[in-house]
PDB file of N, CA and C in Angstrom:
ATOM      1  N   MET A   1      73.812  -9.625  92.594  1.00  0.00           N
ATOM      2  CA  MET A   1      72.465  -9.160  93.731  1.00  0.00           C
ATOM      3  C   MET A   1      72.560  -7.599  92.787  1.00  0.00           C
ATOM      4  N   ALA A   2      71.207  -7.503  92.807  1.00  0.00           N
ATOM      5  CA  ALA A   2      70.770  -6.028  92.194  1.00  0.00           C
ATOM      6  C   ALA A   2      70.670  -5.228  93.152  1.00  0.00           C
ATOM      7  N   ILE A   3      71.365  -3.936  92.221  1.00  0.00           N
ATOM      8  CA  ILE A   3      71.136  -2.437  93.232  1.00  0.00           C
ATOM      9  C   ILE A   3      69.770  -1.757  93.153  1.00  0.00           C
ATOM     10  N   THR A   4      68.903  -1.471  94.011  1.00  0.00           N
ATOM     11  CA  THR A   4      67.697  -0.922  93.705  1.00  0.00           C
ATOM     12  C   THR A   4      68.105   0.324  94.018  1.00  0.00           C
ATOM     13  N   PHE A   5      67.951   1.300  93.097  1.00  0.00           N
ATOM     14  CA  PHE A   5      67.826   2.866  93.420  1.00  0.00           C
ATOM     15  C   PHE A   5      66.528   3.225  94.134  1.00  0.00           C
ATOM     16  N   GLY A   6      65.519   2.447  93.960  1.00  0.00           N
ATOM     17  CA  GLY A   6      64.226   3.132  94.487  1.00  0.00           C
ATOM     18  C   GLY A   6      64.513   3.411  95.975  1.00  0.00           C
ATOM     19  N   LEU A   7      65.228   2.694  96.535  1.00  0.00           N
ATOM     20  CA  LEU A   7      65.058   2.674  98.177  1.00  0.00           C
ATOM     21  C   LEU A   7      65.868   3.946  98.418  1.00  0.00           C
ATOM     22  N   TYR A   8      66.933   4.434  97.717  1.00  0.00           N
ATOM     23  CA  TYR A   8      67.733   5.365  97.969  1.00  0.00           C
ATOM     24  C   TYR A   8      67.215   6.934  97.550  1.00  0.00           C
ATOM     25  N   ARG A   9      66.082   6.644  96.557  1.00  0.00           N
ATOM     26  CA  ARG A   9      65.135   7.759  96.094  1.00  0.00           C
ATOM     27  C   ARG A   9      64.098   8.164  97.430  1.00  0.00           C
ATOM     28  N   LYS A  10      63.855   7.035  97.837  1.00  0.00           N
ATOM     29  CA  LYS A  10      62.767   7.216  99.042  1.00  0.00           C
ATOM     30  C   LYS A  10      63.717   8.122 100.225  1.00  0.00           C
ATOM     31  N   ARG A  11      64.604   7.576 100.615  1.00  0.00           N
ATOM     32  CA  ARG A  11      65.584   8.159 101.527  1.00  0.00           C
ATOM     33  C   ARG A  11      65.659   9.503 101.164  1.00  0.00           C
ATOM     34  N   GLU A  12      66.065   9.901  99.891  1.00  0.00           N
ATOM     35  CA  GLU A  12      66.566  11.289  99.558  1.00  0.00           C
ATOM     36  C   GLU A  12      65.180  11.959  99.582  1.00  0.00           C
ATOM     37  N   LYS A  13      64.108  11.646  99.336  1.00  0.00           N
ATOM     38  CA  LYS A  13      62.955  12.249  99.392  1.00  0.00           C
ATOM     39  C   LYS A  13      62.398  12.671 101.112  1.00  0.00           C
ATOM     40  N   LYS A  14      62.662  11.612 101.607  1.00  0.00           N
ATOM     41  CA  LYS A  14      62.230  11.838 103.141  1.00  0.00           C
ATOM     42  C   LYS A  14      63.284  13.015 103.653  1.00  0.00           C
ATOM     43  N   LEU A  15      64.592  12.677 103.482  1.00  0.00           N
ATOM     44  CA  LEU A  15      65.469  13.837 103.800  1.00  0.00           C
ATOM     45  C   LEU A  15      65.421  15.316 103.504  1.00  0.00           C
ATOM     46  N   ILE A  16      64.860  15.513 102.091  1.00  0.00           N
ATOM     47  CA  ILE A  16      64.919  16.845 101.566  1.00  0.00           C
ATOM     48  C   ILE A  16      63.430  17.374 102.252  1.00  0.00           C
ATOM     49  N   LEU A  17      62.250  16.259 102.599  1.00  0.00           N
ATOM     50  CA  LEU A  17      61.127  16.683 103.055  1.00  0.00           C
ATOM     51  C   LEU A  17      61.381  17.006 104.555  1.00  0.00           C
ATOM     52  N   PHE A  18      62.505  16.545 105.179  1.00  0.00           N
ATOM     53  CA  PHE A  18      62.565  16.691 106.678  1.00  0.00           C
ATOM     54  C   PHE A  18      63.204  17.977 106.660  1.00  0.00           C
ATOM     55  N   VAL A  19      64.429  18.210 105.653  1.00  0.00           N
ATOM     56  CA  VAL A  19      65.086  19.438 105.860  1.00  0.00           C
ATOM     57  C   VAL A  19      64.208  20.865 105.455  1.00  0.00           C
ATOM     58  N   VAL A  20      63.131  20.484 104.758  1.00  0.00           N
ATOM     59  CA  VAL A  20      62.203  21.651 104.295  1.00  0.00           C
ATOM     60  C   VAL A  20      61.433  21.919 105.613  1.00  0.00           C
ATOM     61  N   ILE A  21      61.109  21.133 106.111  1.00  0.00           N
ATOM     62  CA  ILE A  21      60.214  21.269 107.312  1.00  0.00           C
ATOM     63  C   ILE A  21      60.932  21.954 108.349  1.00  0.00           C
ATOM     64  N   ILE A  22      62.090  21.441 108.691  1.00  0.00           N
ATOM     65  CA  ILE A  22      62.983  22.001 109.509  1.00  0.00           C
ATOM     66  C   ILE A  22      63.301  23.605 109.572  1.00  0.00           C
ATOM     67  N   LEU A  23      63.351  23.876 108.008  1.00  0.00           N
ATOM     68  CA  LEU A  23      63.703  25.320 107.518  1.00  0.00           C
ATOM     69  C   LEU A  23      62.591  26.118 107.852  1.00  0.00           C
ATOM     70  N   VAL A  24      61.461  25.482 107.450  1.00  0.00           N
ATOM     71  CA  VAL A  24      60.175  26.238 107.529  1.00  0.00           C
ATOM     72  C   VAL A  24      59.932  26.611 109.056  1.00  0.00           C
ATOM     73  N   VAL A  25      59.937  25.689 110.048  1.00  0.00           N
ATOM     74  CA  VAL A  25      59.575  25.864 111.291  1.00  0.00           C
ATOM     75  C   VAL A  25      60.522  26.839 111.964  1.00  0.00           C
ATOM     76  N   GLY A  26      61.886  26.695 111.593  1.00  0.00           N
ATOM     77  CA  GLY A  26      62.858  27.633 112.000  1.00  0.00           C
ATOM     78  C   GLY A  26      62.380  29.156 111.706  1.00  0.00           C
ATOM     79  N   GLY A  27      62.206  29.267 110.318  1.00  0.00           N
ATOM     80  CA  GLY A  27      61.685  30.512 109.898  1.00  0.00           C
ATOM     81  C   GLY A  27      60.690  31.281 110.488  1.00  0.00           C
ATOM     82  N   VAL A  28      59.510  30.184 110.855  1.00  0.00           N
ATOM     83  CA  VAL A  28      58.535  30.983 111.729  1.00  0.00           C
ATOM     84  C   VAL A  28      58.718  31.081 113.070  1.00  0.00           C
ATOM     85  N   ILE A  29      59.620  30.411 113.795  1.00  0.00           N
ATOM     86  CA  ILE A  29      60.038  31.045 114.882  1.00  0.00           C
ATOM     87  C   ILE A  29      61.081  32.196 114.767  1.00  0.00           C
ATOM     88  N   ILE A  30      61.899  32.403 114.079  1.00  0.00           N
ATOM     89  CA  ILE A  30      62.408  33.526 114.093  1.00  0.00           C
ATOM     90  C   ILE A  30      61.757  34.744 113.530  1.00  0.00           C
ATOM     91  N   GLY A  31      60.667  34.357 112.802  1.00  0.00           N
ATOM     92  CA  GLY A  31      59.649  35.658 112.433  1.00  0.00           C
ATOM     93  C   GLY A  31      58.845  35.914 113.696  1.00  0.00           C
ATOM     94  N   VAL A  32      58.249  34.992 114.456  1.00  0.00           N
ATOM     95  CA  VAL A  32      57.741  35.435 115.675  1.00  0.00           C
ATOM     96  C   VAL A  32      58.804  35.944 116.550  1.00  0.00           C
ATOM     97  N   ILE A  33      60.043  35.733 116.878  1.00  0.00           N
ATOM     98  CA  ILE A  33      60.690  36.434 117.851  1.00  0.00           C
ATOM     99  C   ILE A  33      61.097  37.872 117.296  1.00  0.00           C
ATOM    100  N   LEU A  34      61.045  38.097 115.843  1.00  0.00           N
ATOM    101  CA  LEU A  34      61.682  39.307 115.372  1.00  0.00           C
ATOM    102  C   LEU A  34      60.087  40.206 115.267  1.00  0.00           C
ATOM    103  N   ALA A  35      59.099  39.554 115.306  1.00  0.00           N
ATOM    104  CA  ALA A  35      57.826  40.490 115.397  1.00  0.00           C
ATOM    105  C   ALA A  35      57.304  40.790 116.645  1.00  0.00           C
ATOM    106  N   GLN A  36      58.063  40.150 117.653  1.00  0.00           N
ATOM    107  CA  GLN A  36      57.666  40.527 119.097  1.00  0.00           C
ATOM    108  C   GLN A  36      58.429  42.036 119.403  1.00  0.00           C
ATOM    109  N   LYS A  37      59.736  41.858 118.717  1.00  0.00           N
ATOM    110  CA  LYS A  37      60.397  43.098 118.952  1.00  0.00           C
ATOM    111  C   LYS A  37      59.759  44.353 118.283  1.00  0.00           C
ATOM    112  N   GLN A  38      59.717  45.729 119.264  1.00  0.00           N
ATOM    113  CA  GLN A  38      59.230  46.957 118.418  1.00  0.00           C
ATOM    114  C   GLN A  38      59.804  47.361 117.179  1.00  0.00           C
ATOM    115  N   ALA A  39      59.069  47.740 116.255  1.00  0.00           N
ATOM    116  CA  ALA A  39      59.834  48.032 115.254  1.00  0.00           C
ATOM    117  C   ALA A  39      60.152  49.564 115.422  1.00  0.00           C
ATOM    118  N   PRO A  40      61.201  50.085 115.052  1.00  0.00           N
ATOM    119  CA  PRO A  40      61.892  51.330 114.931  1.00  0.00           C
ATOM    120  C   PRO A  40      60.676  52.480 114.576  1.00  0.00           C
ATOM    121  N   ARG A  41      60.357  53.402 115.461  1.00  0.00           N
ATOM    122  CA  ARG A  41      59.607  54.446 115.113  1.00  0.00           C
ATOM    123  C   ARG A  41      60.050  55.499 114.201  1.00  0.00           C
ATOM    124  N   LEU A  42      59.111  55.816 113.359  1.00  0.00           N
ATOM    125  CA  LEU A  42      59.649  57.185 112.414  1.00  0.00           C
ATOM    126  C   LEU A  42      59.725  58.202 112.717  1.00  0.00           C
ATOM    127  N   PHE A  43      58.744  58.552 113.515  1.00  0.00           N
ATOM    128  CA  PHE A  43      58.811  60.080 114.368  1.00  0.00           C
ATOM    129  C   PHE A  43      58.909  59.595 116.004  1.00  0.00           C
ATOM    130  N   LEU A  44      59.756  60.772 116.269  1.00  0.00           N
ATOM    131  CA  LEU A  44      60.158  60.745 117.382  1.00  0.00           C
ATOM    132  C   LEU A  44      59.096  61.617 118.639  1.00  0.00           C
ATOM    133  N   GLU A  45      58.594  61.016 119.278  1.00  0.00           N
ATOM    134  CA  GLU A  45      57.750  61.594 120.385  1.00  0.00           C
ATOM    135  C   GLU A  45      58.088  62.588 121.087  1.00  0.00           C
ATOM    136  N   ALA A  46      59.473  62.969 121.427  1.00  0.00           N
ATOM    137  CA  ALA A  46      60.205  63.892 122.085  1.00  0.00           C
ATOM    138  C   ALA A  46      59.539  65.336 121.739  1.00  0.00           C
ATOM    139  N   GLU A  47      59.510  66.050 122.623  1.00  0.00           N
ATOM    140  CA  GLU A  47      59.183  67.622 122.459  1.00  0.00           C
ATOM    141  C   GLU A  47      60.243  68.136 122.062  1.00  0.00           C
ATOM    142  N   VAL A  48      60.535  69.307 121.087  1.00  0.00           N
ATOM    143  CA  VAL A  48      61.558  69.919 120.501  1.00  0.00           C
ATOM    144  C   VAL A  48      61.241  71.263 121.212  1.00  0.00           C
ATOM    145  N   THR A  49      62.362  71.348 121.590  1.00  0.00           N
ATOM    146  CA  THR A  49      62.171  72.953 122.366  1.00  0.00           C
ATOM    147  C   THR A  49      63.184  74.067 121.507  1.00  0.00           C
ATOM    148  N   LYS A  50      62.631  75.318 121.654  1.00  0.00           N
ATOM    149  CA  LYS A  50      63.166  76.292 120.689  1.00  0.00           C
ATOM    150  C   LYS A  50      64.633  76.343 121.570  1.00  0.00           C
ATOM    151  N   PRO A  51      65.723  76.497 120.619  1.00  0.00           N
ATOM    152  CA  PRO A  51      67.039  76.746 121.350  1.00  0.00           C
ATOM    153  C   PRO A  51      67.117  78.263 121.772  1.00  0.00           C
ATOM    154  N   GLU A  52      67.764  78.543 122.648  1.00  0.00           N
ATOM    155  CA  GLU A  52      67.913  79.713 123.412  1.00  0.00           C
ATOM    156  C   GLU A  52      68.754  80.698 122.405  1.00  0.00           C
ATOM    157  N   PRO A  53      68.482  81.764 122.257  1.00  0.00           N
ATOM    158  CA  PRO A  53      69.679  82.812 121.702  1.00  0.00           C
ATOM    159  C   PRO A  53      71.193  82.699 122.021  1.00  0.00           C
ATOM    160  N   PRO A  54      72.091  83.039 121.416  1.00  0.00           N
ATOM    161  CA  PRO A  54      73.315  82.985 121.525  1.00  0.00           C
ATOM    162  C   PRO A  54      73.605  84.350 122.612  1.00  0.00           C
ATOM    163  N   LYS A  55      74.346  84.154 123.706  1.00  0.00           N
ATOM    164  CA  LYS A  55      74.704  85.274 124.611  1.00  0.00           C
ATOM    165  C   LYS A  55      76.155  85.772 124.064  1.00  0.00           C
ATOM    166  N   ILE A  56      76.242  87.037 123.518  1.00  0.00           N
ATOM    167  CA  ILE A  56      77.352  87.726 123.064  1.00  0.00           C
ATOM    168  C   ILE A  56      78.078  88.392 123.996  1.00  0.00           C
ATOM    169  N   ASN A  57      79.405  88.157 124.387  1.00  0.00           N
ATOM    170  CA  ASN A  57      79.978  89.189 125.608  1.00  0.00           C
ATOM    171  C   ASN A  57      80.763  90.162 124.715  1.00  0.00           C
ATOM    172  N   TRP A  58      80.101  91.404 124.961  1.00  0.00           N
ATOM    173  CA  TRP A  58      80.803  92.503 123.671  1.00  0.00           C
ATOM    174  C   TRP A  58      81.829  93.175 124.445  1.00  0.00           C
ATOM    175  N   GLN A  59      81.901  93.026 125.731  1.00  0.00           N
ATOM    176  CA  GLN A  59      83.107  93.387 126.692  1.00  0.00           C
ATOM    177  C   GLN A  59      84.475  93.076 125.960  1.00  0.00           C
ATOM    178  N   THR A  60      84.360  91.726 125.120  1.00  0.00           N
ATOM    179  CA  THR A  60      85.604  91.203 124.534  1.00  0.00           C
ATOM    180  C   THR A  60      85.901  92.072 123.717  1.00  0.00           C
ATOM    181  N   LEU A  61      85.410  92.700 122.953  1.00  0.00           N
ATOM    182  CA  LEU A  61      85.843  93.405 121.805  1.00  0.00           C
ATOM    183  C   LEU A  61      86.839  94.564 122.527  1.00  0.00           C
ATOM    184  N   ALA A  62      86.385  95.068 123.436  1.00  0.00           N
ATOM    185  CA  ALA A  62      87.020  96.188 124.149  1.00  0.00           C
ATOM    186  C   ALA A  62      88.690  95.969 124.586  1.00  0.00           C
ATOM    187  N   ASP A  63      88.889  94.415 124.561  1.00  0.00           N
ATOM    188  CA  ASP A  63      89.948  94.112 124.917  1.00  0.00           C
ATOM    189  C   ASP A  63      91.510  94.477 124.269  1.00  0.00           C
ATOM    190  N   PRO A  64      92.084  95.066 124.705  1.00  0.00           N
ATOM    191  CA  PRO A  64      93.498  95.732 123.796  1.00  0.00           C
ATOM    192  C   PRO A  64      93.975  94.620 123.064  1.00  0.00           C
ATOM    193  N   ARG A  65      93.950  93.494 123.508  1.00  0.00           N
ATOM    194  CA  ARG A  65      94.874  92.371 122.394  1.00  0.00           C
ATOM    195  C   ARG A  65      94.034  92.284 121.319  1.00  0.00           C
ATOM    196  N   ILE A  66      92.951  92.787 121.111  1.00  0.00           N
ATOM    197  CA  ILE A  66      92.169  92.515 119.913  1.00  0.00           C
ATOM    198  C   ILE A  66      92.210  93.545 118.870  1.00  0.00           C
ATOM    199  N   GLU A  67      92.749  94.681 119.344  1.00  0.00           N
ATOM    200  CA  GLU A  67      93.207  95.738 118.604  1.00  0.00           C
ATOM    201  C   GLU A  67      94.421  95.631 117.964  1.00  0.00           C
ATOM    202  N   LYS A  68      95.262  94.726 118.643  1.00  0.00           N
ATOM    203  CA  LYS A  68      96.484  94.673 117.949  1.00  0.00           C
ATOM    204  C   LYS A  68      96.445  93.340 116.961  1.00  0.00           C
ATOM    205  N   LEU A  69      95.422  92.643 116.728  1.00  0.00           N
ATOM    206  CA  LEU A  69      95.283  91.608 115.758  1.00  0.00           C
ATOM    207  C   LEU A  69      95.333  92.406 114.432  1.00  0.00           C
ATOM    208  N   GLN A  70      96.135  91.482 113.646  1.00  0.00           N
ATOM    209  CA  GLN A  70      96.182  92.092 112.152  1.00  0.00           C
ATOM    210  C   GLN A  70      95.110  91.210 111.159  1.00  0.00           C
ATOM    211  N   PRO A  71      94.546  91.953 110.196  1.00  0.00           N
ATOM    212  CA  PRO A  71      93.913  91.218 109.345  1.00  0.00           C
ATOM    213  C   PRO A  71      94.211  90.136 108.410  1.00  0.00           C
ATOM    214  N   LEU A  72      93.628  89.304 107.931  1.00  0.00           N
ATOM    215  CA  LEU A  72      94.187  88.041 107.198  1.00  0.00           C
ATOM    216  C   LEU A  72      94.578  88.826 105.670  1.00  0.00           C
ATOM    217  N   ILE A  73      95.755  88.018 105.197  1.00  0.00           N
ATOM    218  CA  ILE A  73      95.928  88.384 103.868  1.00  0.00           C
ATOM    219  C   ILE A  73      95.328  87.799 103.024  1.00  0.00           C
ATOM    220  N   GLN A  74      94.689  88.542 102.099  1.00  0.00           N
ATOM    221  CA  GLN A  74      93.785  87.457 101.186  1.00  0.00           C
ATOM    222  C   GLN A  74      94.869  86.886  99.994  1.00  0.00           C
ATOM    223  N   MET A  75      94.561  85.316  99.552  1.00  0.00           N
ATOM    224  CA  MET A  75      95.317  84.836  98.718  1.00  0.00           C
ATOM    225  C   MET A  75      95.178  85.657  97.371  1.00  0.00           C
ATOM    226  N   PRO A  76      96.040  85.657  96.661  1.00  0.00           N
ATOM    227  CA  PRO A  76      96.179  86.202  95.249  1.00  0.00           C
ATOM    228  C   PRO A  76      95.319  85.664  94.382  1.00  0.00           C
ATOM    229  N   SER A  77      94.222  86.096  93.664  1.00  0.00           N
ATOM    230  CA  SER A  77      93.608  85.092  92.570  1.00  0.00           C
ATOM    231  C   SER A  77      94.699  84.429  91.365  1.00  0.00           C
ATOM    232  N   LEU A  78      94.162  83.256  90.939  1.00  0.00           N
ATOM    233  CA  LEU A  78      94.929  82.900  90.029  1.00  0.00           C
ATOM    234  C   LEU A  78      94.687  83.275  88.643  1.00  0.00           C
ATOM    235  N   THR A  79      95.904  83.821  88.050  1.00  0.00           N
ATOM    236  CA  THR A  79      95.752  84.354  86.571  1.00  0.00           C
ATOM    237  C   THR A  79      95.611  83.071  85.719  1.00  0.00           C
ATOM    238  N   GLU A  80      95.405  83.461  84.239  1.00  0.00           N
ATOM    239  CA  GLU A  80      95.101  82.465  83.331  1.00  0.00           C
ATOM    240  C   GLU A  80      96.310  81.933  82.935  1.00  0.00           C
ATOM    241  N   THR A  81      97.477  82.250  83.066  1.00  0.00           N
ATOM    242  CA  THR A  81      98.679  81.539  82.973  1.00  0.00           C
ATOM    243  C   THR A  81      98.954  80.537  83.855  1.00  0.00           C
ATOM    244  N   GLU A  82      98.585  80.592  85.066  1.00  0.00           N
ATOM    245  CA  GLU A  82      98.875  79.660  86.100  1.00  0.00           C
ATOM    246  C   GLU A  82      97.526  78.450  86.089  1.00  0.00           C
ATOM    247  N   LYS A  83      97.940  77.421  86.093  1.00  0.00           N
ATOM    248  CA  LYS A  83      97.164  76.239  86.305  1.00  0.00           C
ATOM    249  C   LYS A  83      96.820  75.978  87.805  1.00  0.00           C
ATOM    250  N   SER A  84      95.517  75.548  88.066  1.00  0.00           N
ATOM    251  CA  SER A  84      95.065  75.096  89.372  1.00  0.00           C
ATOM    252  C   SER A  84      94.942  73.664  89.220  1.00  0.00           C
ATOM    253  N   GLY A  85      95.635  73.010  89.972  1.00  0.00           N
ATOM    254  CA  GLY A  85      95.397  71.529  90.139  1.00  0.00           C
ATOM    255  C   GLY A  85      95.915  70.896  88.898  1.00  0.00           C
ATOM    256  N   ARG A  86      95.754  69.491  88.826  1.00  0.00           N
ATOM    257  CA  ARG A  86      96.249  68.705  87.869  1.00  0.00           C
ATOM    258  C   ARG A  86      95.287  68.641  86.683  1.00  0.00           C
ATOM    259  N   GLU A  87      95.544  67.985  85.543  1.00  0.00           N
ATOM    260  CA  GLU A  87      94.553  67.980  84.586  1.00  0.00           C
ATOM    261  C   GLU A  87      93.439  66.685  84.728  1.00  0.00           C
ATOM    262  N   ASN A  88      94.041  65.581  85.204  1.00  0.00           N
ATOM    263  CA  ASN A  88      93.297  64.549  85.859  1.00  0.00           C
ATOM    264  C   ASN A  88      93.481  64.209  87.244  1.00  0.00           C
ATOM    265  N   PRO A  89      93.047  64.740  88.240  1.00  0.00           N
ATOM    266  CA  PRO A  89      93.272  64.463  89.700  1.00  0.00           C
ATOM    267  C   PRO A  89      93.327  62.963  90.250  1.00  0.00           C
ATOM    268  N   PHE A  90      92.299  62.153  89.293  1.00  0.00           N
ATOM    269  CA  PHE A  90      92.299  60.933  89.895  1.00  0.00           C
ATOM    270  C   PHE A  90      93.241  59.907  89.072  1.00  0.00           C
ATOM    271  N   LEU A  91      94.463  60.151  88.557  1.00  0.00           N
ATOM    272  CA  LEU A  91      95.632  59.554  88.336  1.00  0.00           C
ATOM    273  C   LEU A  91      96.544  59.436  89.174  1.00  0.00           C
ATOM    274  N   PRO A  92      97.259  58.122  89.532  1.00  0.00           N
ATOM    275  CA  PRO A  92      98.054  58.264  90.532  1.00  0.00           C
ATOM    276  C   PRO A  92      99.361  59.108  90.168  1.00  0.00           C
ATOM    277  N   TYR A  93     100.129  59.656  90.986  1.00  0.00           N
ATOM    278  CA  TYR A  93     101.469  60.112  90.846  1.00  0.00           C
ATOM    279  C   TYR A  93     102.561  59.376  89.879  1.00  0.00           C
TER     280      TYR A  93
END
């Protein structure tokens, strides 16, 4: 009994054609669904109001606790003999 490959090739062609048609129809349906959704707007239509100026309570500076505060000590600057950091900070320890 001879095996005819022509029959299988016809089935393959029909199957490929069927899959392509299903993919095209599915793509069209998904495209229509996505097109119905509104695209994000690039510019907002909301009106931007000018911010109010800050309100400073100057009476806080008259508080005696503020007068007791000490100024921050400044960090000493690094001299040329001291190295800051590592030579290659990306290498693991």
